[in-house]
Amino acid sequence: MDRISLLPPEIKKARQEQEKRNRIQFLILLFLIFIAVINIFFLVNNLLLRSNLDALRQEREFVERQAADLAEYTDLHIEISASEQLLTAAMGTVPQWSAFFRNVSRALPATAWFSDLTAAYSDQAGTLTIRGWSYDHGSLADLLERLERIEQLEQVQLRVSTETIYQGIDAIQFQVDAGLLSGPGFLIEEGGGD
């Protein structure tokens, strides 16, 4: 069913134009409200960013003050490190002889013995020469394997192996040469007192 309007066409036209103006005004109002909301959002966001920036500036200033306070300790650490290096250079890196000879003696099998042991060391390197006797080749092989496991030795080599008679018994006379590595640098005790 259609609605029939009894209003004169001028009034009808005026009402339609008023409705059209109202719709346009409503859309403009919605647009302005939308722009106002966006502006408020950006304003609040800007204020939050400024407060975060201020907090970061304060934290940076605090850290810079702490770094300035610790600068003297940095200089002290550099000075101590230089002193330790100088002391290590002065004391050298001589092998720890007692531990080294203990390890060499533990490498000796029961059926072998040393007749001569010579260790020479200077600056950062050295040599070790071992002469001795063994009753069999197996003991000599065991000796070489055990000497190779000693950390202070390198390039362990059997130089001479001669079958001979020792006090009326078949024996093997041998010579083993090896490189002697430097020991650890002079160690400064850490920690101090109780």
Protein backbone atom coordinates (compact mmCIF):
# COMPACT_ATOMS: atom_id res chain seq x y z
CA MET A 1 0.00 0.00 0.00
CA ASP A 2 1.28 3.38 -1.03
CA ARG A 3 1.17 6.37 1.16
CA ILE A 4 -0.62 9.27 -0.21
CA SER A 5 0.49 12.69 0.97
CA LEU A 6 -2.05 15.46 1.08
CA LEU A 7 0.59 18.13 1.70
CA PRO A 8 1.18 20.74 -0.92
CA PRO A 9 4.23 20.06 -3.09
CA GLU A 10 6.11 23.14 -1.74
CA ILE A 11 5.92 21.90 1.86
CA LYS A 12 6.78 18.39 0.77
CA LYS A 13 9.81 19.70 -1.12
CA ALA A 14 10.85 21.87 1.86
CA ARG A 15 10.66 18.83 4.18
CA GLN A 16 12.78 16.71 1.80
CA GLU A 17 15.41 19.46 1.59
CA GLN A 18 15.38 19.78 5.39
CA GLU A 19 15.88 16.00 5.75
CA LYS A 20 18.70 16.16 3.23
CA ARG A 21 20.37 19.04 5.16
CA ASN A 22 19.92 17.13 8.41
CA ARG A 23 21.63 14.06 6.91
CA ILE A 24 24.53 16.18 5.60
CA GLN A 25 24.87 17.93 8.97
CA PHE A 26 24.80 14.54 10.71
CA LEU A 27 27.55 13.18 8.42
CA ILE A 28 29.62 16.32 8.95
CA LEU A 29 29.13 15.98 12.72
CA LEU A 30 30.20 12.32 12.58
CA PHE A 31 33.28 13.28 10.55
CA LEU A 32 34.20 16.01 13.06
CA ILE A 33 33.73 13.59 15.97
CA PHE A 34 35.95 11.07 14.18
CA ILE A 35 38.67 13.69 13.65
CA ALA A 36 38.37 14.80 17.28
CA VAL A 37 38.79 11.18 18.49
CA ILE A 38 41.86 10.72 16.30
CA ASN A 39 43.35 13.99 17.60
CA ILE A 40 42.70 12.97 21.20
CA PHE A 41 44.33 9.58 20.51
CA PHE A 42 47.44 11.22 19.05
CA LEU A 43 47.58 13.76 21.87
CA VAL A 44 47.43 11.04 24.55
CA ASN A 45 49.98 8.94 22.65
CA ASN A 46 52.29 11.96 22.35
CA LEU A 47 52.03 12.64 26.10
CA LEU A 48 52.85 9.00 26.90
CA LEU A 49 55.85 9.04 24.56
CA ARG A 50 57.13 12.25 26.13
CA SER A 51 56.86 10.77 29.62
CA ASN A 52 58.71 7.63 28.44
CA LEU A 53 61.35 9.82 26.79
CA ASP A 54 61.81 11.78 30.02
CA ALA A 55 62.17 8.54 31.98
CA LEU A 56 64.78 7.28 29.49
CA ARG A 57 66.70 10.56 29.72
CA GLN A 58 66.76 10.34 33.51
CA GLU A 59 67.92 6.72 33.37
CA ARG A 60 70.65 7.62 30.87
CA GLU A 61 71.87 10.45 33.11
CA PHE A 62 71.94 8.05 36.07
CA VAL A 63 73.94 5.45 34.12
CA GLU A 64 76.37 8.11 32.88
CA ARG A 65 76.92 9.27 36.47
CA GLN A 66 77.58 5.67 37.54
CA ALA A 67 80.00 5.16 34.64
CA ALA A 68 81.88 8.29 35.63
CA ASP A 69 82.10 6.98 39.21
CA LEU A 70 83.48 3.64 37.95
CA ALA A 71 86.05 5.19 35.59
CA GLU A 72 88.71 5.17 38.31
CA TYR A 73 88.15 1.41 38.76
CA THR A 74 88.62 0.89 35.02
CA ASP A 75 91.96 2.66 35.21
CA LEU A 76 92.88 0.56 38.24
CA HIS A 77 91.93 -2.65 36.42
CA ILE A 78 94.11 -1.67 33.43
CA GLU A 79 97.00 -0.93 35.78
CA ILE A 80 96.61 -4.27 37.59
CA SER A 81 96.43 -6.18 34.29
CA ALA A 82 99.62 -4.50 33.09
CA SER A 83 101.34 -5.38 36.39
CA GLU A 84 100.24 -9.02 36.11
CA GLN A 85 101.57 -9.23 32.56
CA LEU A 86 104.89 -7.73 33.64
CA LEU A 87 105.13 -10.17 36.55
CA THR A 88 104.29 -13.13 34.29
CA ALA A 89 106.96 -12.03 31.82
CA ALA A 90 109.51 -11.67 34.63
CA MET A 91 108.70 -15.01 36.28
CA GLY A 92 108.51 -16.89 32.97
CA THR A 93 106.73 -20.08 32.07
CA VAL A 94 109.09 -22.71 33.44
CA PRO A 95 107.54 -26.18 33.61
CA GLN A 96 106.48 -27.44 37.00
CA TRP A 97 109.39 -29.83 37.35
CA SER A 98 108.15 -31.89 40.29
CA ALA A 99 104.82 -32.72 38.60
CA PHE A 100 106.59 -33.35 35.29
CA PHE A 101 109.13 -35.83 36.71
CA ARG A 102 106.39 -37.53 38.76
CA ASN A 103 104.43 -38.08 35.51
CA VAL A 104 107.53 -39.39 33.71
CA SER A 105 108.27 -41.84 36.53
CA ARG A 106 104.68 -43.11 36.44
CA ALA A 107 105.08 -43.81 32.72
CA LEU A 108 107.90 -46.29 33.34
CA PRO A 109 106.77 -49.95 33.02
CA ALA A 110 108.00 -52.54 35.57
CA THR A 111 110.27 -54.29 33.05
CA ALA A 112 112.13 -51.16 31.95
CA TRP A 113 114.45 -48.67 33.67
CA PHE A 114 116.22 -45.44 32.90
CA SER A 115 119.99 -45.18 32.78
CA ASP A 116 120.02 -41.47 31.91
CA LEU A 117 117.39 -38.73 31.82
CA THR A 118 118.28 -35.27 30.49
CA ALA A 119 115.92 -32.32 30.41
CA ALA A 120 116.96 -28.98 28.91
CA TYR A 121 114.78 -25.90 28.91
CA SER A 122 115.16 -22.27 27.87
CA ASP A 123 112.60 -19.53 27.24
CA GLN A 124 109.50 -21.22 25.79
CA ALA A 125 110.74 -24.66 24.71
CA GLY A 126 112.87 -27.57 25.81
CA THR A 127 113.93 -31.14 25.11
CA LEU A 128 113.85 -34.40 27.01
CA THR A 129 116.17 -37.32 26.31
CA ILE A 130 115.68 -40.65 28.06
CA ARG A 131 118.15 -43.52 27.78
CA GLY A 132 117.49 -46.85 29.36
CA TRP A 133 116.96 -50.57 29.17
CA SER A 134 113.99 -52.87 28.73
CA TYR A 135 113.60 -56.64 28.70
CA ASP A 136 111.09 -56.66 25.82
CA HIS A 137 109.64 -54.56 23.02
CA GLY A 138 106.16 -54.57 24.61
CA SER A 139 107.44 -52.65 27.63
CA LEU A 140 109.13 -50.18 25.33
CA ALA A 141 105.87 -49.66 23.39
CA ASP A 142 103.99 -49.15 26.69
CA LEU A 143 106.57 -46.56 27.75
CA LEU A 144 106.15 -44.62 24.49
CA GLU A 145 102.33 -44.66 24.76
CA ARG A 146 102.44 -43.45 28.35
CA LEU A 147 104.95 -40.70 27.56
CA GLU A 148 102.73 -39.46 24.70
CA ARG A 149 99.87 -38.99 27.19
CA ILE A 150 101.93 -36.59 29.34
CA GLU A 151 100.64 -33.07 28.62
CA GLN A 152 104.04 -31.38 28.95
CA LEU A 153 105.58 -33.53 26.20
CA GLU A 154 105.21 -33.37 22.44
CA GLN A 155 106.69 -35.31 19.52
CA VAL A 156 107.70 -38.33 21.59
CA GLN A 157 109.94 -40.48 19.36
CA LEU A 158 112.00 -43.60 19.79
CA ARG A 159 115.43 -42.69 18.39
CA VAL A 160 117.43 -45.84 19.15
CA SER A 161 116.38 -49.38 19.92
CA THR A 162 119.21 -51.96 20.04
CA GLU A 163 118.94 -55.56 21.16
CA THR A 164 121.88 -56.45 23.40
CA ILE A 165 122.80 -58.43 26.48
CA TYR A 166 122.65 -56.78 29.88
CA GLN A 167 124.23 -58.69 32.81
CA GLY A 168 123.88 -61.93 30.91
CA ILE A 169 120.17 -61.40 30.00
CA ASP A 170 118.72 -60.43 26.59
CA ALA A 171 117.71 -56.77 26.78
CA ILE A 172 116.91 -53.76 24.62
CA GLN A 173 118.84 -50.55 24.99
CA PHE A 174 116.80 -47.50 23.92
CA GLN A 175 116.80 -43.72 23.57
CA VAL A 176 113.60 -41.64 23.53
CA ASP A 177 113.56 -37.94 22.55
CA ALA A 178 110.66 -35.54 23.11
CA GLY A 179 109.88 -31.84 23.03
CA LEU A 180 109.24 -30.19 26.38
CA LEU A 181 106.40 -27.63 26.43
CA SER A 182 106.42 -24.49 28.55
CA GLY A 183 104.54 -24.48 31.81
CA PRO A 184 101.73 -22.12 32.77
CA GLY A 185 102.60 -18.51 33.44
CA PHE A 186 103.24 -17.31 36.95
CA LEU A 187 99.90 -17.38 38.73
CA ILE A 188 98.81 -14.70 41.16
CA GLU A 189 96.61 -16.09 43.91
CA GLU A 190 93.04 -14.85 43.56
CA GLY A 191 90.61 -14.12 46.38
CA GLY A 192 92.77 -12.73 49.19
CA GLY A 193 92.00 -13.39 52.86
CA ASP A 194 89.03 -14.94 54.60
